[in-house]
Amino acid sequence: MRLPYFFFGTLMDPDVLQLVLRRSPGALSSSATLHGYARVRVTNEPYPALVSAPGARVDGLLLRNYTDEDDRRIRYFEDFDFAIEQTVVETAAGPEDAHFCGAVSNIAPTDLPWSYEEWVRTEKQRFLQVAEIYMAAYGTLDGEAADRLWLDTVAELFGR
C-alpha cells in the first residue's frame, strides 16, 4: 500500500496541488498533525520548511490517492533541495505512516513561523505564477537548470 503524503505548506492549497498534478486532486483525505517539528519561513522563498522542535506540532493535510505520475510531479515540484522522508502523523483515526518533504540542502530556514493563512493573503497569487512557470518545465530540465529556473522566477516575481 502506498503511503499518503503529508502536506504542511503550499501543497495544502488545492490550487497549487492542482497545478502541480495537472489535474484536480479531489479532496485531500484528512487533516493530520506532525509532532516534534515547527513550520518556518525559508530565507528568500515563499514556502516553508520543517525544523526539528521538540514539543512543537505542525498541522497539515494528507493526500492519499495519487498515481505514479502524480508522485513524480510532486517530487519534481519539491525540487532537489528536499528529500521525501517517512514519518508518523496523528490523524483522527490514530497514528499513521506518511511521506513528507524534509529539507536537505540549499535552503536556509529562519526562526520565523510560516502561516498558511498569511501566505494565502500575501503570496499565493505570485506563488501560483512561479509554480506554473516551474511546472511547465517538468520533464525537460535537469536538477541544476530546474533550480535556476525556480530561483530566477522567484526573484523576478517576489523581488528577492
N, C-alpha and C. Protein backbone atom coordinates (compact mmCIF):
# COMPACT_ATOMS: atom_id res chain seq x y z
N MET A 1 0.82 -1.19 0.00
CA MET A 1 0.00 0.00 0.00
C MET A 1 0.87 1.26 0.00
N ARG A 2 0.49 2.22 -0.78
CA ARG A 2 1.23 3.47 -0.92
C ARG A 2 0.96 4.38 0.28
N LEU A 3 2.03 4.95 0.84
CA LEU A 3 1.87 5.87 1.97
C LEU A 3 1.28 7.20 1.48
N PRO A 4 0.42 7.82 2.28
CA PRO A 4 -0.08 9.15 1.90
C PRO A 4 1.04 10.18 2.03
N TYR A 5 0.86 11.29 1.36
CA TYR A 5 1.74 12.45 1.54
C TYR A 5 1.16 13.36 2.60
N PHE A 6 2.00 13.83 3.51
CA PHE A 6 1.62 14.84 4.49
C PHE A 6 2.09 16.18 3.94
N PHE A 7 1.15 17.05 3.61
CA PHE A 7 1.48 18.39 3.11
C PHE A 7 1.29 19.39 4.23
N PHE A 8 2.31 20.23 4.41
CA PHE A 8 2.30 21.19 5.52
C PHE A 8 2.48 22.63 5.06
N GLY A 9 2.63 22.83 3.76
CA GLY A 9 2.90 24.18 3.24
C GLY A 9 2.04 24.49 2.04
N THR A 10 2.67 24.92 0.97
CA THR A 10 1.94 25.39 -0.20
C THR A 10 1.12 24.27 -0.86
N LEU A 11 1.54 23.02 -0.73
CA LEU A 11 0.78 21.93 -1.34
C LEU A 11 -0.51 21.61 -0.59
N MET A 12 -0.74 22.26 0.56
CA MET A 12 -2.04 22.14 1.22
C MET A 12 -3.10 22.89 0.43
N ASP A 13 -2.65 23.83 -0.38
CA ASP A 13 -3.58 24.66 -1.14
C ASP A 13 -4.07 23.89 -2.37
N PRO A 14 -5.39 23.75 -2.54
CA PRO A 14 -5.91 22.98 -3.67
C PRO A 14 -5.51 23.54 -5.03
N ASP A 15 -5.38 24.86 -5.15
CA ASP A 15 -4.98 25.44 -6.43
C ASP A 15 -3.54 25.08 -6.78
N VAL A 16 -2.67 25.11 -5.79
CA VAL A 16 -1.26 24.73 -6.03
C VAL A 16 -1.18 23.26 -6.37
N LEU A 17 -1.87 22.43 -5.60
CA LEU A 17 -1.80 20.99 -5.85
C LEU A 17 -2.36 20.64 -7.22
N GLN A 18 -3.43 21.29 -7.62
CA GLN A 18 -3.99 21.03 -8.95
C GLN A 18 -3.00 21.43 -10.04
N LEU A 19 -2.32 22.55 -9.86
CA LEU A 19 -1.33 22.99 -10.84
C LEU A 19 -0.18 21.98 -10.91
N VAL A 20 0.28 21.51 -9.77
CA VAL A 20 1.39 20.55 -9.73
C VAL A 20 0.99 19.23 -10.38
N LEU A 21 -0.19 18.72 -10.04
CA LEU A 21 -0.61 17.42 -10.56
C LEU A 21 -1.16 17.49 -11.98
N ARG A 22 -1.51 18.69 -12.40
CA ARG A 22 -2.13 18.93 -13.70
C ARG A 22 -3.48 18.21 -13.82
N ARG A 23 -4.13 18.11 -12.68
CA ARG A 23 -5.47 17.52 -12.61
C ARG A 23 -6.04 17.91 -11.26
N SER A 24 -7.34 17.78 -11.13
CA SER A 24 -7.97 18.04 -9.84
C SER A 24 -7.56 16.95 -8.86
N PRO A 25 -7.05 17.31 -7.71
CA PRO A 25 -6.64 16.29 -6.74
C PRO A 25 -7.81 15.71 -5.98
N GLY A 26 -9.00 16.27 -6.13
CA GLY A 26 -10.12 15.86 -5.29
C GLY A 26 -9.87 16.39 -3.90
N ALA A 27 -10.66 15.95 -2.97
CA ALA A 27 -10.50 16.41 -1.60
C ALA A 27 -9.26 15.76 -0.98
N LEU A 28 -8.48 16.58 -0.28
CA LEU A 28 -7.39 15.99 0.49
C LEU A 28 -8.05 15.16 1.59
N SER A 29 -7.53 13.99 1.82
CA SER A 29 -8.21 12.97 2.60
C SER A 29 -8.57 13.39 4.02
N SER A 30 -7.61 13.91 4.73
CA SER A 30 -7.89 14.20 6.13
C SER A 30 -6.81 15.12 6.68
N SER A 31 -7.15 15.74 7.79
CA SER A 31 -6.15 16.55 8.46
C SER A 31 -5.26 15.63 9.27
N ALA A 32 -4.06 16.08 9.54
CA ALA A 32 -3.09 15.30 10.29
C ALA A 32 -2.15 16.26 11.00
N THR A 33 -1.48 15.76 12.01
CA THR A 33 -0.55 16.57 12.79
C THR A 33 0.78 15.83 12.89
N LEU A 34 1.85 16.57 12.66
CA LEU A 34 3.20 16.04 12.81
C LEU A 34 3.80 16.64 14.07
N HIS A 35 4.19 15.81 15.00
CA HIS A 35 4.75 16.26 16.28
C HIS A 35 6.27 16.32 16.19
N GLY A 36 6.84 17.25 16.94
CA GLY A 36 8.29 17.36 17.03
C GLY A 36 8.92 18.25 15.99
N TYR A 37 8.10 18.99 15.24
CA TYR A 37 8.59 19.90 14.21
C TYR A 37 7.87 21.24 14.31
N ALA A 38 8.51 22.27 13.76
CA ALA A 38 7.90 23.59 13.60
C ALA A 38 7.97 23.95 12.12
N ARG A 39 6.97 24.68 11.64
CA ARG A 39 6.91 25.15 10.25
C ARG A 39 7.45 26.58 10.26
N VAL A 40 8.53 26.81 9.49
CA VAL A 40 9.18 28.12 9.49
C VAL A 40 9.37 28.64 8.07
N ARG A 41 9.55 29.95 7.99
CA ARG A 41 9.85 30.59 6.70
C ARG A 41 11.25 30.18 6.27
N VAL A 42 11.46 30.21 4.96
CA VAL A 42 12.77 29.94 4.38
C VAL A 42 13.28 31.26 3.82
N THR A 43 14.54 31.57 4.05
CA THR A 43 15.13 32.80 3.56
C THR A 43 14.94 32.93 2.06
N ASN A 44 14.38 34.07 1.64
CA ASN A 44 14.19 34.42 0.22
C ASN A 44 13.27 33.46 -0.54
N GLU A 45 12.42 32.74 0.16
CA GLU A 45 11.50 31.82 -0.51
C GLU A 45 10.07 32.02 0.01
N PRO A 46 9.07 31.75 -0.82
CA PRO A 46 7.68 31.89 -0.39
C PRO A 46 7.07 30.60 0.17
N TYR A 47 7.89 29.63 0.49
CA TYR A 47 7.38 28.36 1.02
C TYR A 47 8.05 28.08 2.37
N PRO A 48 7.46 27.17 3.16
CA PRO A 48 8.05 26.85 4.46
C PRO A 48 8.95 25.63 4.41
N ALA A 49 9.63 25.42 5.52
CA ALA A 49 10.38 24.18 5.78
C ALA A 49 10.03 23.73 7.18
N LEU A 50 10.29 22.49 7.46
CA LEU A 50 10.12 21.97 8.80
C LEU A 50 11.48 21.89 9.48
N VAL A 51 11.50 22.29 10.74
CA VAL A 51 12.71 22.16 11.55
C VAL A 51 12.35 21.38 12.80
N SER A 52 13.28 20.60 13.26
CA SER A 52 13.07 19.83 14.48
C SER A 52 12.81 20.79 15.64
N ALA A 53 11.76 20.51 16.40
CA ALA A 53 11.39 21.36 17.53
C ALA A 53 10.64 20.51 18.55
N PRO A 54 11.36 19.92 19.49
CA PRO A 54 10.71 19.08 20.49
C PRO A 54 9.54 19.83 21.15
N GLY A 55 8.41 19.14 21.25
CA GLY A 55 7.23 19.72 21.87
C GLY A 55 6.34 20.52 20.92
N ALA A 56 6.84 20.83 19.73
CA ALA A 56 6.05 21.59 18.76
C ALA A 56 5.21 20.64 17.91
N ARG A 57 4.31 21.22 17.11
CA ARG A 57 3.47 20.42 16.22
C ARG A 57 3.12 21.24 15.00
N VAL A 58 2.92 20.53 13.90
CA VAL A 58 2.55 21.15 12.62
C VAL A 58 1.30 20.45 12.12
N ASP A 59 0.26 21.25 11.87
CA ASP A 59 -0.96 20.71 11.28
C ASP A 59 -0.85 20.75 9.76
N GLY A 60 -1.38 19.73 9.11
CA GLY A 60 -1.34 19.66 7.65
C GLY A 60 -2.45 18.78 7.14
N LEU A 61 -2.33 18.41 5.88
CA LEU A 61 -3.33 17.59 5.22
C LEU A 61 -2.66 16.39 4.56
N LEU A 62 -3.42 15.32 4.43
CA LEU A 62 -2.91 14.11 3.78
C LEU A 62 -3.49 13.98 2.38
N LEU A 63 -2.65 13.60 1.44
CA LEU A 63 -3.08 13.20 0.10
C LEU A 63 -2.91 11.69 0.04
N ARG A 64 -4.02 10.99 -0.08
CA ARG A 64 -3.97 9.52 -0.09
C ARG A 64 -4.00 8.94 -1.51
N ASN A 65 -4.79 9.51 -2.36
CA ASN A 65 -4.99 8.94 -3.69
C ASN A 65 -4.16 9.68 -4.72
N TYR A 66 -3.08 9.06 -5.13
CA TYR A 66 -2.24 9.65 -6.17
C TYR A 66 -1.62 8.54 -7.01
N THR A 67 -1.31 8.91 -8.24
CA THR A 67 -0.74 7.97 -9.21
C THR A 67 0.78 8.04 -9.19
N ASP A 68 1.42 7.15 -9.93
CA ASP A 68 2.87 7.20 -10.08
C ASP A 68 3.29 8.52 -10.73
N GLU A 69 2.53 8.99 -11.72
CA GLU A 69 2.84 10.27 -12.36
C GLU A 69 2.67 11.42 -11.37
N ASP A 70 1.63 11.37 -10.55
CA ASP A 70 1.46 12.40 -9.50
C ASP A 70 2.68 12.43 -8.60
N ASP A 71 3.16 11.25 -8.21
CA ASP A 71 4.32 11.16 -7.33
C ASP A 71 5.54 11.80 -7.98
N ARG A 72 5.77 11.53 -9.26
CA ARG A 72 6.91 12.13 -9.96
C ARG A 72 6.76 13.65 -10.03
N ARG A 73 5.56 14.13 -10.27
CA ARG A 73 5.32 15.57 -10.37
C ARG A 73 5.51 16.25 -9.00
N ILE A 74 5.05 15.59 -7.94
CA ILE A 74 5.25 16.13 -6.58
C ILE A 74 6.74 16.21 -6.27
N ARG A 75 7.47 15.15 -6.59
CA ARG A 75 8.91 15.13 -6.32
C ARG A 75 9.66 16.19 -7.13
N TYR A 76 9.23 16.42 -8.37
CA TYR A 76 9.83 17.49 -9.17
C TYR A 76 9.53 18.84 -8.52
N PHE A 77 8.29 19.07 -8.15
CA PHE A 77 7.89 20.34 -7.55
C PHE A 77 8.65 20.60 -6.26
N GLU A 78 8.86 19.56 -5.48
CA GLU A 78 9.58 19.72 -4.22
C GLU A 78 11.06 19.96 -4.47
N ASP A 79 11.45 19.89 -5.72
CA ASP A 79 12.78 20.29 -6.16
C ASP A 79 13.82 19.30 -5.65
N PHE A 80 15.01 19.70 -5.78
CA PHE A 80 16.12 18.83 -5.45
C PHE A 80 16.74 19.25 -4.13
N ASP A 81 16.11 20.23 -3.46
CA ASP A 81 16.57 20.67 -2.14
C ASP A 81 15.91 19.88 -1.02
N PHE A 82 14.94 19.05 -1.36
CA PHE A 82 14.18 18.32 -0.37
C PHE A 82 14.27 16.83 -0.61
N ALA A 83 14.16 16.08 0.46
CA ALA A 83 14.12 14.62 0.36
C ALA A 83 12.75 14.15 0.83
N ILE A 84 12.23 13.14 0.18
CA ILE A 84 10.97 12.55 0.62
C ILE A 84 11.32 11.60 1.77
N GLU A 85 10.78 11.91 2.94
CA GLU A 85 11.07 11.13 4.13
C GLU A 85 9.79 10.48 4.63
N GLN A 86 9.95 9.48 5.47
CA GLN A 86 8.81 8.82 6.08
C GLN A 86 8.71 9.25 7.54
N THR A 87 7.49 9.45 8.00
CA THR A 87 7.25 9.86 9.38
C THR A 87 5.94 9.26 9.86
N VAL A 88 5.59 9.55 11.08
CA VAL A 88 4.29 9.16 11.63
C VAL A 88 3.54 10.44 11.97
N VAL A 89 2.31 10.54 11.49
CA VAL A 89 1.45 11.68 11.80
C VAL A 89 0.26 11.19 12.61
N GLU A 90 -0.34 12.11 13.33
CA GLU A 90 -1.55 11.81 14.09
C GLU A 90 -2.76 12.20 13.25
N THR A 91 -3.70 11.30 13.12
CA THR A 91 -4.96 11.58 12.44
C THR A 91 -6.10 11.30 13.42
N ALA A 92 -7.32 11.61 13.01
CA ALA A 92 -8.48 11.33 13.85
C ALA A 92 -8.60 9.84 14.15
N ALA A 93 -8.08 9.00 13.25
CA ALA A 93 -8.14 7.55 13.43
C ALA A 93 -6.94 7.00 14.20
N GLY A 94 -5.99 7.87 14.56
CA GLY A 94 -4.79 7.42 15.27
C GLY A 94 -3.54 7.65 14.46
N PRO A 95 -2.40 7.13 14.91
CA PRO A 95 -1.13 7.32 14.20
C PRO A 95 -1.15 6.66 12.83
N GLU A 96 -0.46 7.30 11.89
CA GLU A 96 -0.40 6.76 10.53
C GLU A 96 0.94 7.12 9.90
N ASP A 97 1.54 6.17 9.21
CA ASP A 97 2.76 6.44 8.46
C ASP A 97 2.43 7.32 7.26
N ALA A 98 3.35 8.23 6.93
CA ALA A 98 3.14 9.13 5.78
C ALA A 98 4.50 9.59 5.27
N HIS A 99 4.49 10.05 4.02
CA HIS A 99 5.66 10.73 3.45
C HIS A 99 5.54 12.22 3.73
N PHE A 100 6.69 12.89 3.87
CA PHE A 100 6.71 14.35 3.89
C PHE A 100 8.03 14.80 3.28
N CYS A 101 8.08 16.05 2.93
CA CYS A 101 9.28 16.59 2.28
C CYS A 101 10.14 17.30 3.31
N GLY A 102 11.26 16.70 3.61
CA GLY A 102 12.19 17.26 4.58
C GLY A 102 13.34 17.96 3.87
N ALA A 103 13.74 19.10 4.37
CA ALA A 103 14.82 19.88 3.75
C ALA A 103 16.15 19.14 3.88
N VAL A 104 16.92 19.18 2.83
CA VAL A 104 18.24 18.55 2.89
C VAL A 104 19.38 19.48 2.49
N SER A 105 19.13 20.43 1.60
CA SER A 105 20.24 21.28 1.16
C SER A 105 19.75 22.55 0.50
N ASN A 106 20.64 23.49 0.38
CA ASN A 106 20.44 24.72 -0.40
C ASN A 106 19.32 25.63 0.10
N ILE A 107 18.78 25.40 1.28
CA ILE A 107 17.79 26.33 1.81
C ILE A 107 18.23 26.77 3.20
N ALA A 108 17.76 27.93 3.61
CA ALA A 108 18.12 28.47 4.91
C ALA A 108 16.85 28.76 5.71
N PRO A 109 16.44 27.79 6.55
CA PRO A 109 15.26 28.04 7.39
C PRO A 109 15.55 29.20 8.33
N THR A 110 14.51 29.98 8.64
CA THR A 110 14.64 31.07 9.60
C THR A 110 14.01 30.64 10.92
N ASP A 111 13.98 31.56 11.87
CA ASP A 111 13.28 31.31 13.14
C ASP A 111 11.85 31.82 13.08
N LEU A 112 11.44 32.37 11.95
CA LEU A 112 10.12 32.97 11.82
C LEU A 112 9.09 31.92 11.40
N PRO A 113 7.96 31.88 12.09
CA PRO A 113 6.92 30.92 11.70
C PRO A 113 6.34 31.25 10.33
N TRP A 114 5.90 30.23 9.62
CA TRP A 114 5.22 30.39 8.33
C TRP A 114 3.75 30.07 8.55
N SER A 115 2.89 30.97 8.10
CA SER A 115 1.45 30.80 8.27
C SER A 115 0.79 30.60 6.92
N TYR A 116 0.03 29.52 6.80
CA TYR A 116 -0.70 29.26 5.56
C TYR A 116 -1.68 30.40 5.28
N GLU A 117 -2.40 30.84 6.28
CA GLU A 117 -3.39 31.91 6.09
C GLU A 117 -2.73 33.20 5.61
N GLU A 118 -1.61 33.56 6.20
CA GLU A 118 -0.86 34.76 5.78
C GLU A 118 -0.35 34.58 4.35
N TRP A 119 0.15 33.41 4.03
CA TRP A 119 0.64 33.11 2.69
C TRP A 119 -0.48 33.29 1.66
N VAL A 120 -1.68 32.78 1.98
CA VAL A 120 -2.82 32.93 1.06
C VAL A 120 -3.10 34.41 0.81
N ARG A 121 -3.09 35.21 1.86
CA ARG A 121 -3.39 36.64 1.73
C ARG A 121 -2.32 37.42 0.97
N THR A 122 -1.06 37.08 1.18
CA THR A 122 0.02 37.95 0.69
C THR A 122 0.88 37.38 -0.43
N GLU A 123 0.92 36.06 -0.59
CA GLU A 123 1.88 35.49 -1.54
C GLU A 123 1.30 34.48 -2.52
N LYS A 124 0.12 34.00 -2.28
CA LYS A 124 -0.41 32.90 -3.08
C LYS A 124 -0.47 33.23 -4.57
N GLN A 125 -0.99 34.37 -4.95
CA GLN A 125 -1.16 34.68 -6.37
C GLN A 125 0.18 34.69 -7.12
N ARG A 126 1.19 35.31 -6.52
CA ARG A 126 2.52 35.29 -7.15
C ARG A 126 3.12 33.89 -7.14
N PHE A 127 2.88 33.15 -6.04
CA PHE A 127 3.39 31.79 -5.96
C PHE A 127 2.80 30.92 -7.07
N LEU A 128 1.50 31.08 -7.33
CA LEU A 128 0.88 30.31 -8.41
C LEU A 128 1.56 30.60 -9.75
N GLN A 129 1.95 31.83 -9.98
CA GLN A 129 2.66 32.17 -11.22
C GLN A 129 4.02 31.46 -11.27
N VAL A 130 4.74 31.48 -10.16
CA VAL A 130 6.03 30.78 -10.09
C VAL A 130 5.84 29.29 -10.37
N ALA A 131 4.87 28.69 -9.68
CA ALA A 131 4.63 27.26 -9.82
C ALA A 131 4.21 26.90 -11.24
N GLU A 132 3.42 27.75 -11.88
CA GLU A 132 3.00 27.47 -13.25
C GLU A 132 4.19 27.47 -14.20
N ILE A 133 5.06 28.45 -14.07
CA ILE A 133 6.26 28.52 -14.91
C ILE A 133 7.15 27.31 -14.64
N TYR A 134 7.35 27.01 -13.37
CA TYR A 134 8.23 25.90 -13.00
C TYR A 134 7.69 24.55 -13.48
N MET A 135 6.40 24.32 -13.26
CA MET A 135 5.82 23.03 -13.65
C MET A 135 5.70 22.89 -15.17
N ALA A 136 5.68 23.98 -15.91
CA ALA A 136 5.67 23.90 -17.37
C ALA A 136 6.97 23.29 -17.88
N ALA A 137 8.02 23.34 -17.06
CA ALA A 137 9.31 22.77 -17.44
C ALA A 137 9.48 21.32 -16.96
N TYR A 138 8.45 20.77 -16.33
CA TYR A 138 8.52 19.39 -15.83
C TYR A 138 8.92 18.44 -16.96
N GLY A 139 9.91 17.61 -16.68
CA GLY A 139 10.34 16.61 -17.64
C GLY A 139 11.33 17.11 -18.68
N THR A 140 11.68 18.40 -18.61
CA THR A 140 12.58 18.94 -19.63
C THR A 140 13.90 19.45 -19.07
N LEU A 141 13.99 19.63 -17.75
CA LEU A 141 15.19 20.22 -17.15
C LEU A 141 15.88 19.26 -16.20
N ASP A 142 17.21 19.35 -16.14
CA ASP A 142 17.92 18.60 -15.11
C ASP A 142 17.81 19.39 -13.80
N GLY A 143 18.31 18.82 -12.72
CA GLY A 143 18.18 19.44 -11.40
C GLY A 143 18.74 20.84 -11.33
N GLU A 144 19.91 21.05 -11.89
CA GLU A 144 20.55 22.37 -11.82
C GLU A 144 19.75 23.41 -12.59
N ALA A 145 19.30 23.06 -13.79
CA ALA A 145 18.53 24.00 -14.60
C ALA A 145 17.17 24.28 -13.96
N ALA A 146 16.55 23.26 -13.37
CA ALA A 146 15.26 23.45 -12.70
C ALA A 146 15.43 24.38 -11.50
N ASP A 147 16.49 24.17 -10.73
CA ASP A 147 16.75 25.02 -9.57
C ASP A 147 16.97 26.47 -10.00
N ARG A 148 17.71 26.66 -11.07
CA ARG A 148 17.98 28.02 -11.59
C ARG A 148 16.68 28.67 -12.04
N LEU A 149 15.80 27.91 -12.71
CA LEU A 149 14.52 28.43 -13.15
C LEU A 149 13.70 28.87 -11.95
N TRP A 150 13.62 28.05 -10.92
CA TRP A 150 12.86 28.40 -9.72
C TRP A 150 13.39 29.69 -9.10
N LEU A 151 14.70 29.73 -8.86
CA LEU A 151 15.30 30.89 -8.20
C LEU A 151 15.11 32.16 -9.01
N ASP A 152 15.31 32.08 -10.32
CA ASP A 152 15.14 33.26 -11.17
C ASP A 152 13.69 33.73 -11.18
N THR A 153 12.75 32.81 -11.22
CA THR A 153 11.33 33.16 -11.26
C THR A 153 10.89 33.77 -9.93
N VAL A 154 11.32 33.20 -8.82
CA VAL A 154 11.00 33.76 -7.51
C VAL A 154 11.59 35.16 -7.39
N ALA A 155 12.84 35.32 -7.81
CA ALA A 155 13.47 36.65 -7.74
C ALA A 155 12.69 37.67 -8.56
N GLU A 156 12.26 37.29 -9.73
CA GLU A 156 11.52 38.21 -10.59
C GLU A 156 10.16 38.55 -10.02
N LEU A 157 9.40 37.56 -9.58
CA LEU A 157 8.02 37.81 -9.15
C LEU A 157 7.89 38.26 -7.70
N PHE A 158 8.88 37.92 -6.86
CA PHE A 158 8.83 38.32 -5.47
C PHE A 158 9.85 39.40 -5.12
N GLY A 159 10.70 39.73 -6.08
CA GLY A 159 11.71 40.75 -5.82
C GLY A 159 12.73 40.30 -4.78
N ARG A 160 13.07 39.04 -4.79
CA ARG A 160 14.01 38.50 -3.79
C ARG A 160 15.31 38.10 -4.43
